Amino acid sequence: MKTTTKGSGLARSDPRAADLGPPARLEHGRLVLKVHVKPGARQTGWAGRHGNAFRLRISARAVDGEANAACIAFLAAAAGVPRAAVVLVHGVRSRDKLFRIEGVSPQRARPLLEACGP
C-alpha cells in the first residue's frame, strides 16, 4: 500500500502493509514463510513469533550474505528439501524476510509450522 507524504509528493510504503496476511501459507506445493531474522545469535533455531512473522535466530553474522545463506540452509533442513528449493523472495538486506520453499507437501509442512511456534 502506498501513501503520499504531505507536501513532498513522494510515495512511501506503509509499514503496516508488511504485517498483513498470515505468517505462513501453503499454495500449490510451495510454502511461503514470513520470517524475522536475528543474526549473530548464540544458537540457530526458532524463537517463537515476532508480530506477524516467525522469529528465527541465526548464529551467522549479517556480513556478505552469510546470514541469508544460513537461513536458507536451516529452512531447507527443517523442510527436508534441497537448498535449491528455498528461495529468498524479499528482504535480502532486511531482518524481515519472505521465503518460498518449493516441493513441500501438507504432511511435511505441518511439523515445520509447529516447530516455528504458536
PDB file of N, CA and C in Angstrom:
ATOM      1  N   MET A   1       0.840  -1.150   0.000  1.00  0.00           N
ATOM      2  CA  MET A   1       0.000   0.000   0.000  1.00  0.00           C
ATOM      3  C   MET A   1       0.899   1.230   0.000  1.00  0.00           C
ATOM      4  N   LYS A   2       0.663   2.171  -0.889  1.00  0.00           N
ATOM      5  CA  LYS A   2       1.454   3.383  -0.994  1.00  0.00           C
ATOM      6  C   LYS A   2       0.672   4.557  -0.416  1.00  0.00           C
ATOM      7  N   THR A   3       1.383   5.445   0.234  1.00  0.00           N
ATOM      8  CA  THR A   3       0.781   6.674   0.722  1.00  0.00           C
ATOM      9  C   THR A   3       1.636   7.829   0.220  1.00  0.00           C
ATOM     10  N   THR A   4       1.072   9.011   0.187  1.00  0.00           N
ATOM     11  CA  THR A   4       1.807  10.181  -0.257  1.00  0.00           C
ATOM     12  C   THR A   4       2.177  11.014   0.959  1.00  0.00           C
ATOM     13  N   THR A   5       3.443  11.383   1.041  1.00  0.00           N
ATOM     14  CA  THR A   5       3.906  12.222   2.129  1.00  0.00           C
ATOM     15  C   THR A   5       3.426  13.650   1.879  1.00  0.00           C
ATOM     16  N   LYS A   6       2.828  14.253   2.875  1.00  0.00           N
ATOM     17  CA  LYS A   6       2.227  15.578   2.715  1.00  0.00           C
ATOM     18  C   LYS A   6       3.273  16.596   2.287  1.00  0.00           C
ATOM     19  N   GLY A   7       2.968  17.297   1.206  1.00  0.00           N
ATOM     20  CA  GLY A   7       3.826  18.367   0.730  1.00  0.00           C
ATOM     21  C   GLY A   7       4.961  17.923  -0.173  1.00  0.00           C
ATOM     22  N   SER A   8       5.424  16.710  -0.047  1.00  0.00           N
ATOM     23  CA  SER A   8       6.576  16.292  -0.849  1.00  0.00           C
ATOM     24  C   SER A   8       6.167  15.653  -2.159  1.00  0.00           C
ATOM     25  N   GLY A   9       4.974  15.066  -2.196  1.00  0.00           N
ATOM     26  CA  GLY A   9       4.540  14.380  -3.404  1.00  0.00           C
ATOM     27  C   GLY A   9       5.219  13.043  -3.614  1.00  0.00           C
ATOM     28  N   LEU A  10       6.055  12.620  -2.677  1.00  0.00           N
ATOM     29  CA  LEU A  10       6.749  11.350  -2.794  1.00  0.00           C
ATOM     30  C   LEU A  10       5.917  10.241  -2.186  1.00  0.00           C
ATOM     31  N   ALA A  11       5.904   9.103  -2.850  1.00  0.00           N
ATOM     32  CA  ALA A  11       5.189   7.946  -2.313  1.00  0.00           C
ATOM     33  C   ALA A  11       6.136   7.155  -1.427  1.00  0.00           C
ATOM     34  N   ARG A  12       5.606   6.648  -0.340  1.00  0.00           N
ATOM     35  CA  ARG A  12       6.389   5.766   0.531  1.00  0.00           C
ATOM     36  C   ARG A  12       5.517   4.584   0.903  1.00  0.00           C
ATOM     37  N   SER A  13       6.144   3.497   1.247  1.00  0.00           N
ATOM     38  CA  SER A  13       5.397   2.299   1.619  1.00  0.00           C
ATOM     39  C   SER A  13       4.839   2.453   3.018  1.00  0.00           C
ATOM     40  N   ASP A  14       3.640   1.947   3.201  1.00  0.00           N
ATOM     41  CA  ASP A  14       3.018   1.932   4.514  1.00  0.00           C
ATOM     42  C   ASP A  14       3.632   0.782   5.297  1.00  0.00           C
ATOM     43  N   PRO A  15       4.282   1.014   6.453  1.00  0.00           N
ATOM     44  CA  PRO A  15       4.926  -0.071   7.192  1.00  0.00           C
ATOM     45  C   PRO A  15       3.949  -1.130   7.680  1.00  0.00           C
ATOM     46  N   ARG A  16       2.675  -0.776   7.825  1.00  0.00           N
ATOM     47  CA  ARG A  16       1.697  -1.762   8.272  1.00  0.00           C
ATOM     48  C   ARG A  16       1.345  -2.747   7.173  1.00  0.00           C
ATOM     49  N   ALA A  17       1.622  -2.422   5.919  1.00  0.00           N
ATOM     50  CA  ALA A  17       1.271  -3.304   4.806  1.00  0.00           C
ATOM     51  C   ALA A  17       2.033  -4.620   4.884  1.00  0.00           C
ATOM     52  N   ALA A  18       3.247  -4.605   5.424  1.00  0.00           N
ATOM     53  CA  ALA A  18       4.035  -5.832   5.530  1.00  0.00           C
ATOM     54  C   ALA A  18       3.452  -6.783   6.572  1.00  0.00           C
ATOM     55  N   ASP A  19       2.638  -6.270   7.502  1.00  0.00           N
ATOM     56  CA  ASP A  19       2.085  -7.103   8.559  1.00  0.00           C
ATOM     57  C   ASP A  19       0.789  -7.795   8.156  1.00  0.00           C
ATOM     58  N   LEU A  20       0.272  -7.527   6.973  1.00  0.00           N
ATOM     59  CA  LEU A  20      -0.983  -8.122   6.557  1.00  0.00           C
ATOM     60  C   LEU A  20      -0.766  -9.554   6.094  1.00  0.00           C
ATOM     61  N   GLY A  21      -1.751 -10.389   6.305  1.00  0.00           N
ATOM     62  CA  GLY A  21      -1.675 -11.770   5.848  1.00  0.00           C
ATOM     63  C   GLY A  21      -1.043 -12.681   6.877  1.00  0.00           C
ATOM     64  N   PRO A  22      -1.212 -13.974   6.694  1.00  0.00           N
ATOM     65  CA  PRO A  22      -0.679 -14.948   7.650  1.00  0.00           C
ATOM     66  C   PRO A  22       0.837 -15.069   7.524  1.00  0.00           C
ATOM     67  N   PRO A  23       1.507 -15.534   8.602  1.00  0.00           N
ATOM     68  CA  PRO A  23       2.958 -15.696   8.526  1.00  0.00           C
ATOM     69  C   PRO A  23       3.375 -16.876   7.657  1.00  0.00           C
ATOM     70  N   ALA A  24       2.456 -17.776   7.362  1.00  0.00           N
ATOM     71  CA  ALA A  24       2.768 -18.927   6.509  1.00  0.00           C
ATOM     72  C   ALA A  24       1.542 -19.291   5.698  1.00  0.00           C
ATOM     73  N   ARG A  25       1.796 -19.674   4.456  1.00  0.00           N
ATOM     74  CA  ARG A  25       0.696 -20.171   3.636  1.00  0.00           C
ATOM     75  C   ARG A  25       1.244 -21.228   2.692  1.00  0.00           C
ATOM     76  N   LEU A  26       0.425 -22.218   2.433  1.00  0.00           N
ATOM     77  CA  LEU A  26       0.779 -23.317   1.550  1.00  0.00           C
ATOM     78  C   LEU A  26      -0.064 -23.182   0.297  1.00  0.00           C
ATOM     79  N   GLU A  27       0.599 -23.060  -0.845  1.00  0.00           N
ATOM     80  CA  GLU A  27      -0.120 -22.889  -2.099  1.00  0.00           C
ATOM     81  C   GLU A  27       0.597 -23.651  -3.207  1.00  0.00           C
ATOM     82  N   HIS A  28      -0.109 -24.588  -3.809  1.00  0.00           N
ATOM     83  CA  HIS A  28       0.375 -25.343  -4.972  1.00  0.00           C
ATOM     84  C   HIS A  28       1.747 -25.990  -4.737  1.00  0.00           C
ATOM     85  N   GLY A  29       1.918 -26.634  -3.605  1.00  0.00           N
ATOM     86  CA  GLY A  29       3.159 -27.341  -3.332  1.00  0.00           C
ATOM     87  C   GLY A  29       4.314 -26.464  -2.910  1.00  0.00           C
ATOM     88  N   ARG A  30       4.044 -25.211  -2.593  1.00  0.00           N
ATOM     89  CA  ARG A  30       5.096 -24.343  -2.088  1.00  0.00           C
ATOM     90  C   ARG A  30       4.638 -23.679  -0.803  1.00  0.00           C
ATOM     91  N   LEU A  31       5.546 -23.571   0.113  1.00  0.00           N
ATOM     92  CA  LEU A  31       5.276 -22.958   1.405  1.00  0.00           C
ATOM     93  C   LEU A  31       5.906 -21.574   1.402  1.00  0.00           C
ATOM     94  N   VAL A  32       5.128 -20.560   1.739  1.00  0.00           N
ATOM     95  CA  VAL A  32       5.616 -19.190   1.808  1.00  0.00           C
ATOM     96  C   VAL A  32       5.645 -18.784   3.281  1.00  0.00           C
ATOM     97  N   LEU A  33       6.819 -18.362   3.759  1.00  0.00           N
ATOM     98  CA  LEU A  33       7.010 -18.019   5.167  1.00  0.00           C
ATOM     99  C   LEU A  33       7.484 -16.588   5.332  1.00  0.00           C
ATOM    100  N   LYS A  34       6.872 -15.864   6.269  1.00  0.00           N
ATOM    101  CA  LYS A  34       7.381 -14.572   6.703  1.00  0.00           C
ATOM    102  C   LYS A  34       8.255 -14.848   7.912  1.00  0.00           C
ATOM    103  N   VAL A  35       9.485 -14.389   7.859  1.00  0.00           N
ATOM    104  CA  VAL A  35      10.453 -14.686   8.912  1.00  0.00           C
ATOM    105  C   VAL A  35      11.142 -13.401   9.349  1.00  0.00           C
ATOM    106  N   HIS A  36      11.249 -13.207  10.658  1.00  0.00           N
ATOM    107  CA  HIS A  36      12.050 -12.120  11.224  1.00  0.00           C
ATOM    108  C   HIS A  36      13.335 -12.756  11.736  1.00  0.00           C
ATOM    109  N   VAL A  37      14.461 -12.347  11.169  1.00  0.00           N
ATOM    110  CA  VAL A  37      15.744 -12.991  11.445  1.00  0.00           C
ATOM    111  C   VAL A  37      16.555 -12.165  12.429  1.00  0.00           C
ATOM    112  N   LYS A  38      17.149 -12.845  13.404  1.00  0.00           N
ATOM    113  CA  LYS A  38      18.076 -12.237  14.359  1.00  0.00           C
ATOM    114  C   LYS A  38      19.451 -12.858  14.114  1.00  0.00           C
ATOM    115  N   PRO A  39      20.315 -12.184  13.314  1.00  0.00           N
ATOM    116  CA  PRO A  39      21.645 -12.739  13.051  1.00  0.00           C
ATOM    117  C   PRO A  39      22.570 -12.566  14.247  1.00  0.00           C
ATOM    118  N   GLY A  40      23.618 -13.364  14.306  1.00  0.00           N
ATOM    119  CA  GLY A  40      24.603 -13.267  15.368  1.00  0.00           C
ATOM    120  C   GLY A  40      24.145 -13.854  16.685  1.00  0.00           C
ATOM    121  N   ALA A  41      23.178 -14.741  16.659  1.00  0.00           N
ATOM    122  CA  ALA A  41      22.676 -15.364  17.889  1.00  0.00           C
ATOM    123  C   ALA A  41      23.634 -16.460  18.351  1.00  0.00           C
ATOM    124  N   ARG A  42      23.468 -16.892  19.575  1.00  0.00           N
ATOM    125  CA  ARG A  42      24.317 -17.975  20.094  1.00  0.00           C
ATOM    126  C   ARG A  42      24.037 -19.292  19.390  1.00  0.00           C
ATOM    127  N   GLN A  43      22.754 -19.577  19.166  1.00  0.00           N
ATOM    128  CA  GLN A  43      22.358 -20.822  18.518  1.00  0.00           C
ATOM    129  C   GLN A  43      21.371 -20.515  17.411  1.00  0.00           C
ATOM    130  N   THR A  44      21.359 -21.380  16.405  1.00  0.00           N
ATOM    131  CA  THR A  44      20.400 -21.256  15.322  1.00  0.00           C
ATOM    132  C   THR A  44      19.150 -22.039  15.688  1.00  0.00           C
ATOM    133  N   GLY A  45      17.975 -21.408  15.513  1.00  0.00           N
ATOM    134  CA  GLY A  45      16.728 -22.101  15.787  1.00  0.00           C
ATOM    135  C   GLY A  45      15.556 -21.155  15.858  1.00  0.00           C
ATOM    136  N   TRP A  46      14.367 -21.737  15.917  1.00  0.00           N
ATOM    137  CA  TRP A  46      13.138 -20.961  16.014  1.00  0.00           C
ATOM    138  C   TRP A  46      13.036 -20.331  17.390  1.00  0.00           C
ATOM    139  N   ALA A  47      12.435 -19.148  17.448  1.00  0.00           N
ATOM    140  CA  ALA A  47      12.296 -18.439  18.715  1.00  0.00           C
ATOM    141  C   ALA A  47      10.904 -17.834  18.856  1.00  0.00           C
ATOM    142  N   GLY A  48       9.882 -18.529  18.381  1.00  0.00           N
ATOM    143  CA  GLY A  48       8.508 -18.054  18.535  1.00  0.00           C
ATOM    144  C   GLY A  48       8.075 -17.131  17.422  1.00  0.00           C
ATOM    145  N   ARG A  49       7.329 -16.090  17.804  1.00  0.00           N
ATOM    146  CA  ARG A  49       6.769 -15.157  16.825  1.00  0.00           C
ATOM    147  C   ARG A  49       7.305 -13.752  17.051  1.00  0.00           C
ATOM    148  N   HIS A  50       7.292 -12.985  15.997  1.00  0.00           N
ATOM    149  CA  HIS A  50       7.640 -11.567  16.048  1.00  0.00           C
ATOM    150  C   HIS A  50       6.587 -10.841  15.232  1.00  0.00           C
ATOM    151  N   GLY A  51       5.574 -10.309  15.899  1.00  0.00           N
ATOM    152  CA  GLY A  51       4.472  -9.682  15.179  1.00  0.00           C
ATOM    153  C   GLY A  51       3.749 -10.716  14.337  1.00  0.00           C
ATOM    154  N   ASN A  52       3.718 -10.501  13.038  1.00  0.00           N
ATOM    155  CA  ASN A  52       3.050 -11.426  12.121  1.00  0.00           C
ATOM    156  C   ASN A  52       4.073 -12.221  11.315  1.00  0.00           C
ATOM    157  N   ALA A  53       5.155 -12.611  11.970  1.00  0.00           N
ATOM    158  CA  ALA A  53       6.191 -13.407  11.319  1.00  0.00           C
ATOM    159  C   ALA A  53       6.767 -14.387  12.340  1.00  0.00           C
ATOM    160  N   PHE A  54       7.421 -15.419  11.827  1.00  0.00           N
ATOM    161  CA  PHE A  54       8.129 -16.351  12.700  1.00  0.00           C
ATOM    162  C   PHE A  54       9.507 -15.777  12.988  1.00  0.00           C
ATOM    163  N   ARG A  55       9.949 -15.863  14.244  1.00  0.00           N
ATOM    164  CA  ARG A  55      11.271 -15.371  14.618  1.00  0.00           C
ATOM    165  C   ARG A  55      12.278 -16.514  14.475  1.00  0.00           C
ATOM    166  N   LEU A  56      13.375 -16.226  13.784  1.00  0.00           N
ATOM    167  CA  LEU A  56      14.428 -17.209  13.562  1.00  0.00           C
ATOM    168  C   LEU A  56      15.754 -16.612  14.003  1.00  0.00           C
ATOM    169  N   ARG A  57      16.399 -17.269  14.943  1.00  0.00           N
ATOM    170  CA  ARG A  57      17.730 -16.847  15.380  1.00  0.00           C
ATOM    171  C   ARG A  57      18.754 -17.611  14.553  1.00  0.00           C
ATOM    172  N   ILE A  58      19.721 -16.872  14.022  1.00  0.00           N
ATOM    173  CA  ILE A  58      20.763 -17.455  13.174  1.00  0.00           C
ATOM    174  C   ILE A  58      22.122 -17.110  13.793  1.00  0.00           C
ATOM    175  N   SER A  59      23.000 -18.103  13.931  1.00  0.00           N
ATOM    176  CA  SER A  59      24.311 -17.860  14.530  1.00  0.00           C
ATOM    177  C   SER A  59      25.250 -17.120  13.588  1.00  0.00           C
ATOM    178  N   ALA A  60      25.012 -17.172  12.300  1.00  0.00           N
ATOM    179  CA  ALA A  60      25.871 -16.477  11.330  1.00  0.00           C
ATOM    180  C   ALA A  60      25.663 -14.969  11.440  1.00  0.00           C
ATOM    181  N   ARG A  61      26.712 -14.235  11.163  1.00  0.00           N
ATOM    182  CA  ARG A  61      26.646 -12.775  11.173  1.00  0.00           C
ATOM    183  C   ARG A  61      26.048 -12.272   9.868  1.00  0.00           C
ATOM    184  N   ALA A  62      25.534 -11.071   9.887  1.00  0.00           N
ATOM    185  CA  ALA A  62      24.940 -10.457   8.693  1.00  0.00           C
ATOM    186  C   ALA A  62      26.028  -9.755   7.881  1.00  0.00           C
ATOM    187  N   VAL A  63      26.994 -10.521   7.421  1.00  0.00           N
ATOM    188  CA  VAL A  63      28.110  -9.995   6.647  1.00  0.00           C
ATOM    189  C   VAL A  63      28.239 -10.811   5.370  1.00  0.00           C
ATOM    190  N   ASP A  64      28.288 -10.136   4.236  1.00  0.00           N
ATOM    191  CA  ASP A  64      28.483 -10.791   2.934  1.00  0.00           C
ATOM    192  C   ASP A  64      27.464 -11.893   2.667  1.00  0.00           C
ATOM    193  N   GLY A  65      26.242 -11.735   3.131  1.00  0.00           N
ATOM    194  CA  GLY A  65      25.189 -12.698   2.848  1.00  0.00           C
ATOM    195  C   GLY A  65      25.260 -13.991   3.648  1.00  0.00           C
ATOM    196  N   GLU A  66      26.114 -14.037   4.660  1.00  0.00           N
ATOM    197  CA  GLU A  66      26.260 -15.263   5.458  1.00  0.00           C
ATOM    198  C   GLU A  66      24.966 -15.612   6.194  1.00  0.00           C
ATOM    199  N   ALA A  67      24.292 -14.621   6.748  1.00  0.00           N
ATOM    200  CA  ALA A  67      23.051 -14.886   7.478  1.00  0.00           C
ATOM    201  C   ALA A  67      21.967 -15.390   6.532  1.00  0.00           C
ATOM    202  N   ASN A  68      21.874 -14.830   5.334  1.00  0.00           N
ATOM    203  CA  ASN A  68      20.883 -15.298   4.366  1.00  0.00           C
ATOM    204  C   ASN A  68      21.163 -16.739   3.958  1.00  0.00           C
ATOM    205  N   ALA A  69      22.428 -17.062   3.721  1.00  0.00           N
ATOM    206  CA  ALA A  69      22.795 -18.432   3.359  1.00  0.00           C
ATOM    207  C   ALA A  69      22.481 -19.396   4.501  1.00  0.00           C
ATOM    208  N   ALA A  70      22.714 -18.956   5.746  1.00  0.00           N
ATOM    209  CA  ALA A  70      22.408 -19.805   6.903  1.00  0.00           C
ATOM    210  C   ALA A  70      20.902 -20.002   7.053  1.00  0.00           C
ATOM    211  N   CYS A  71      20.120 -18.961   6.762  1.00  0.00           N
ATOM    212  CA  CYS A  71      18.656 -19.082   6.809  1.00  0.00           C
ATOM    213  C   CYS A  71      18.183 -20.108   5.785  1.00  0.00           C
ATOM    214  N   ILE A  72      18.712 -20.023   4.586  1.00  0.00           N
ATOM    215  CA  ILE A  72      18.320 -20.951   3.527  1.00  0.00           C
ATOM    216  C   ILE A  72      18.685 -22.378   3.907  1.00  0.00           C
ATOM    217  N   ALA A  73      19.886 -22.573   4.444  1.00  0.00           N
ATOM    218  CA  ALA A  73      20.310 -23.915   4.855  1.00  0.00           C
ATOM    219  C   ALA A  73      19.425 -24.450   5.977  1.00  0.00           C
ATOM    220  N   PHE A  74      19.093 -23.600   6.957  1.00  0.00           N
ATOM    221  CA  PHE A  74      18.253 -24.025   8.070  1.00  0.00           C
ATOM    222  C   PHE A  74      16.854 -24.398   7.596  1.00  0.00           C
ATOM    223  N   LEU A  75      16.252 -23.548   6.770  1.00  0.00           N
ATOM    224  CA  LEU A  75      14.899 -23.818   6.276  1.00  0.00           C
ATOM    225  C   LEU A  75      14.864 -25.063   5.399  1.00  0.00           C
ATOM    226  N   ALA A  76      15.887 -25.268   4.591  1.00  0.00           N
ATOM    227  CA  ALA A  76      15.937 -26.466   3.745  1.00  0.00           C
ATOM    228  C   ALA A  76      16.001 -27.725   4.610  1.00  0.00           C
ATOM    229  N   ALA A  77      16.832 -27.699   5.639  1.00  0.00           N
ATOM    230  CA  ALA A  77      16.935 -28.854   6.529  1.00  0.00           C
ATOM    231  C   ALA A  77      15.636 -29.081   7.294  1.00  0.00           C
ATOM    232  N   ALA A  78      15.020 -27.998   7.757  1.00  0.00           N
ATOM    233  CA  ALA A  78      13.775 -28.118   8.519  1.00  0.00           C
ATOM    234  C   ALA A  78      12.636 -28.650   7.659  1.00  0.00           C
ATOM    235  N   ALA A  79      12.616 -28.268   6.380  1.00  0.00           N
ATOM    236  CA  ALA A  79      11.546 -28.705   5.487  1.00  0.00           C
ATOM    237  C   ALA A  79      11.874 -30.024   4.799  1.00  0.00           C
ATOM    238  N   GLY A  80      13.116 -30.467   4.892  1.00  0.00           N
ATOM    239  CA  GLY A  80      13.512 -31.717   4.246  1.00  0.00           C
ATOM    240  C   GLY A  80      13.589 -31.607   2.735  1.00  0.00           C
ATOM    241  N   VAL A  81      14.017 -30.458   2.252  1.00  0.00           N
ATOM    242  CA  VAL A  81      14.160 -30.228   0.811  1.00  0.00           C
ATOM    243  C   VAL A  81      15.589 -29.779   0.533  1.00  0.00           C
ATOM    244  N   PRO A  82      16.046 -29.857  -0.719  1.00  0.00           N
ATOM    245  CA  PRO A  82      17.379 -29.341  -1.036  1.00  0.00           C
ATOM    246  C   PRO A  82      17.430 -27.823  -0.910  1.00  0.00           C
ATOM    247  N   ARG A  83      18.628 -27.286  -0.723  1.00  0.00           N
ATOM    248  CA  ARG A  83      18.786 -25.837  -0.574  1.00  0.00           C
ATOM    249  C   ARG A  83      18.258 -25.084  -1.789  1.00  0.00           C
ATOM    250  N   ALA A  84      18.364 -25.670  -2.956  1.00  0.00           N
ATOM    251  CA  ALA A  84      17.899 -25.015  -4.183  1.00  0.00           C
ATOM    252  C   ALA A  84      16.383 -24.803  -4.175  1.00  0.00           C
ATOM    253  N   ALA A  85      15.672 -25.525  -3.327  1.00  0.00           N
ATOM    254  CA  ALA A  85      14.214 -25.390  -3.254  1.00  0.00           C
ATOM    255  C   ALA A  85      13.778 -24.217  -2.384  1.00  0.00           C
ATOM    256  N   VAL A  86      14.713 -23.601  -1.662  1.00  0.00           N
ATOM    257  CA  VAL A  86      14.400 -22.468  -0.788  1.00  0.00           C
ATOM    258  C   VAL A  86      14.855 -21.188  -1.480  1.00  0.00           C
ATOM    259  N   VAL A  87      13.912 -20.261  -1.649  1.00  0.00           N
ATOM    260  CA  VAL A  87      14.201 -19.008  -2.345  1.00  0.00           C
ATOM    261  C   VAL A  87      13.878 -17.839  -1.420  1.00  0.00           C
ATOM    262  N   LEU A  88      14.829 -16.915  -1.311  1.00  0.00           N
ATOM    263  CA  LEU A  88      14.601 -15.682  -0.574  1.00  0.00           C
ATOM    264  C   LEU A  88      13.921 -14.713  -1.537  1.00  0.00           C
ATOM    265  N   VAL A  89      12.621 -14.505  -1.343  1.00  0.00           N
ATOM    266  CA  VAL A  89      11.820 -13.706  -2.262  1.00  0.00           C
ATOM    267  C   VAL A  89      11.985 -12.214  -1.987  1.00  0.00           C
ATOM    268  N   HIS A  90      12.025 -11.850  -0.715  1.00  0.00           N
ATOM    269  CA  HIS A  90      12.053 -10.435  -0.342  1.00  0.00           C
ATOM    270  C   HIS A  90      12.833 -10.269   0.952  1.00  0.00           C
ATOM    271  N   GLY A  91      13.615  -9.189   1.061  1.00  0.00           N
ATOM    272  CA  GLY A  91      14.279  -8.868   2.321  1.00  0.00           C
ATOM    273  C   GLY A  91      15.731  -9.259   2.384  1.00  0.00           C
ATOM    274  N   VAL A  92      16.460  -9.156   1.287  1.00  0.00           N
ATOM    275  CA  VAL A  92      17.867  -9.544   1.266  1.00  0.00           C
ATOM    276  C   VAL A  92      18.665  -8.770   2.303  1.00  0.00           C
ATOM    277  N   ARG A  93      18.386  -7.483   2.470  1.00  0.00           N
ATOM    278  CA  ARG A  93      19.143  -6.648   3.400  1.00  0.00           C
ATOM    279  C   ARG A  93      18.322  -6.235   4.609  1.00  0.00           C
ATOM    280  N   SER A  94      17.263  -6.953   4.898  1.00  0.00           N
ATOM    281  CA  SER A  94      16.373  -6.621   5.998  1.00  0.00           C
ATOM    282  C   SER A  94      16.274  -7.806   6.951  1.00  0.00           C
ATOM    283  N   ARG A  95      15.869  -7.550   8.169  1.00  0.00           N
ATOM    284  CA  ARG A  95      15.605  -8.649   9.104  1.00  0.00           C
ATOM    285  C   ARG A  95      14.280  -9.330   8.794  1.00  0.00           C
ATOM    286  N   ASP A  96      13.358  -8.590   8.193  1.00  0.00           N
ATOM    287  CA  ASP A  96      12.064  -9.154   7.814  1.00  0.00           C
ATOM    288  C   ASP A  96      12.182  -9.716   6.404  1.00  0.00           C
ATOM    289  N   LYS A  97      12.031 -11.027   6.296  1.00  0.00           N
ATOM    290  CA  LYS A  97      12.260 -11.722   5.034  1.00  0.00           C
ATOM    291  C   LYS A  97      11.038 -12.548   4.649  1.00  0.00           C
ATOM    292  N   LEU A  98      10.943 -12.817   3.360  1.00  0.00           N
ATOM    293  CA  LEU A  98       9.891 -13.671   2.833  1.00  0.00           C
ATOM    294  C   LEU A  98      10.578 -14.786   2.063  1.00  0.00           C
ATOM    295  N   PHE A  99      10.352 -16.026   2.500  1.00  0.00           N
ATOM    296  CA  PHE A  99      10.946 -17.195   1.869  1.00  0.00           C
ATOM    297  C   PHE A  99       9.877 -18.021   1.182  1.00  0.00           C
ATOM    298  N   ARG A 100      10.248 -18.631   0.065  1.00  0.00           N
ATOM    299  CA  ARG A 100       9.376 -19.583  -0.629  1.00  0.00           C
ATOM    300  C   ARG A 100      10.124 -20.914  -0.669  1.00  0.00           C
ATOM    301  N   ILE A 101       9.445 -21.965  -0.205  1.00  0.00           N
ATOM    302  CA  ILE A 101      10.035 -23.301  -0.179  1.00  0.00           C
ATOM    303  C   ILE A 101       9.235 -24.166  -1.138  1.00  0.00           C
ATOM    304  N   GLU A 102       9.878 -24.614  -2.199  1.00  0.00           N
ATOM    305  CA  GLU A 102       9.223 -25.420  -3.230  1.00  0.00           C
ATOM    306  C   GLU A 102       9.157 -26.888  -2.820  1.00  0.00           C
ATOM    307  N   GLY A 103       8.126 -27.573  -3.283  1.00  0.00           N
ATOM    308  CA  GLY A 103       8.015 -29.021  -3.100  1.00  0.00           C
ATOM    309  C   GLY A 103       7.690 -29.472  -1.695  1.00  0.00           C
ATOM    310  N   VAL A 104       6.908 -28.690  -0.971  1.00  0.00           N
ATOM    311  CA  VAL A 104       6.543 -29.052   0.399  1.00  0.00           C
ATOM    312  C   VAL A 104       5.104 -29.555   0.398  1.00  0.00           C
ATOM    313  N   SER A 105       4.920 -30.773   0.865  1.00  0.00           N
ATOM    314  CA  SER A 105       3.578 -31.337   0.959  1.00  0.00           C
ATOM    315  C   SER A 105       2.921 -30.863   2.255  1.00  0.00           C
ATOM    316  N   PRO A 106       1.588 -30.912   2.323  1.00  0.00           N
ATOM    317  CA  PRO A 106       0.915 -30.530   3.573  1.00  0.00           C
ATOM    318  C   PRO A 106       1.370 -31.380   4.766  1.00  0.00           C
ATOM    319  N   GLN A 107       1.685 -32.657   4.526  1.00  0.00           N
ATOM    320  CA  GLN A 107       2.145 -33.523   5.619  1.00  0.00           C
ATOM    321  C   GLN A 107       3.509 -33.074   6.143  1.00  0.00           C
ATOM    322  N   ARG A 108       4.358 -32.575   5.266  1.00  0.00           N
ATOM    323  CA  ARG A 108       5.687 -32.123   5.677  1.00  0.00           C
ATOM    324  C   ARG A 108       5.637 -30.695   6.234  1.00  0.00           C
ATOM    325  N   ALA A 109       4.681 -29.906   5.768  1.00  0.00           N
ATOM    326  CA  ALA A 109       4.578 -28.515   6.225  1.00  0.00           C
ATOM    327  C   ALA A 109       4.089 -28.429   7.672  1.00  0.00           C
ATOM    328  N   ARG A 110       3.185 -29.317   8.064  1.00  0.00           N
ATOM    329  CA  ARG A 110       2.605 -29.263   9.406  1.00  0.00           C
ATOM    330  C   ARG A 110       3.674 -29.315  10.514  1.00  0.00           C
ATOM    331  N   PRO A 111       4.593 -30.316  10.519  1.00  0.00           N
ATOM    332  CA  PRO A 111       5.601 -30.331  11.594  1.00  0.00           C
ATOM    333  C   PRO A 111       6.540 -29.117  11.559  1.00  0.00           C
ATOM    334  N   LEU A 112       6.817 -28.624  10.360  1.00  0.00           N
ATOM    335  CA  LEU A 112       7.662 -27.440  10.240  1.00  0.00           C
ATOM    336  C   LEU A 112       6.979 -26.241  10.891  1.00  0.00           C
ATOM    337  N   LEU A 113       5.711 -26.037  10.600  1.00  0.00           N
ATOM    338  CA  LEU A 113       4.984 -24.905  11.169  1.00  0.00           C
ATOM    339  C   LEU A 113       4.791 -25.051  12.662  1.00  0.00           C
ATOM    340  N   GLU A 114       4.620 -26.272  13.139  1.00  0.00           N
ATOM    341  CA  GLU A 114       4.501 -26.492  14.588  1.00  0.00           C
ATOM    342  C   GLU A 114       5.811 -26.171  15.295  1.00  0.00           C
ATOM    343  N   ALA A 115       6.943 -26.446  14.635  1.00  0.00           N
ATOM    344  CA  ALA A 115       8.251 -26.155  15.216  1.00  0.00           C
ATOM    345  C   ALA A 115       8.520 -24.649  15.258  1.00  0.00           C
ATOM    346  N   CYS A 116       7.887 -23.904  14.352  1.00  0.00           N
ATOM    347  CA  CYS A 116       8.091 -22.440  14.298  1.00  0.00           C
ATOM    348  C   CYS A 116       7.572 -21.760  15.550  1.00  0.00           C
ATOM    349  N   GLY A 117       6.530 -22.279  16.122  1.00  0.00           N
ATOM    350  CA  GLY A 117       5.974 -21.670  17.322  1.00  0.00           C
ATOM    351  C   GLY A 117       4.491 -21.369  17.123  1.00  0.00           C
ATOM    352  N   PRO A 118       3.833 -20.927  18.175  1.00  0.00           N
ATOM    353  CA  PRO A 118       2.389 -20.653  18.113  1.00  0.00           C
ATOM    354  C   PRO A 118       2.061 -19.456  17.270  1.00  0.00           C
TER     355      PRO A 118
END
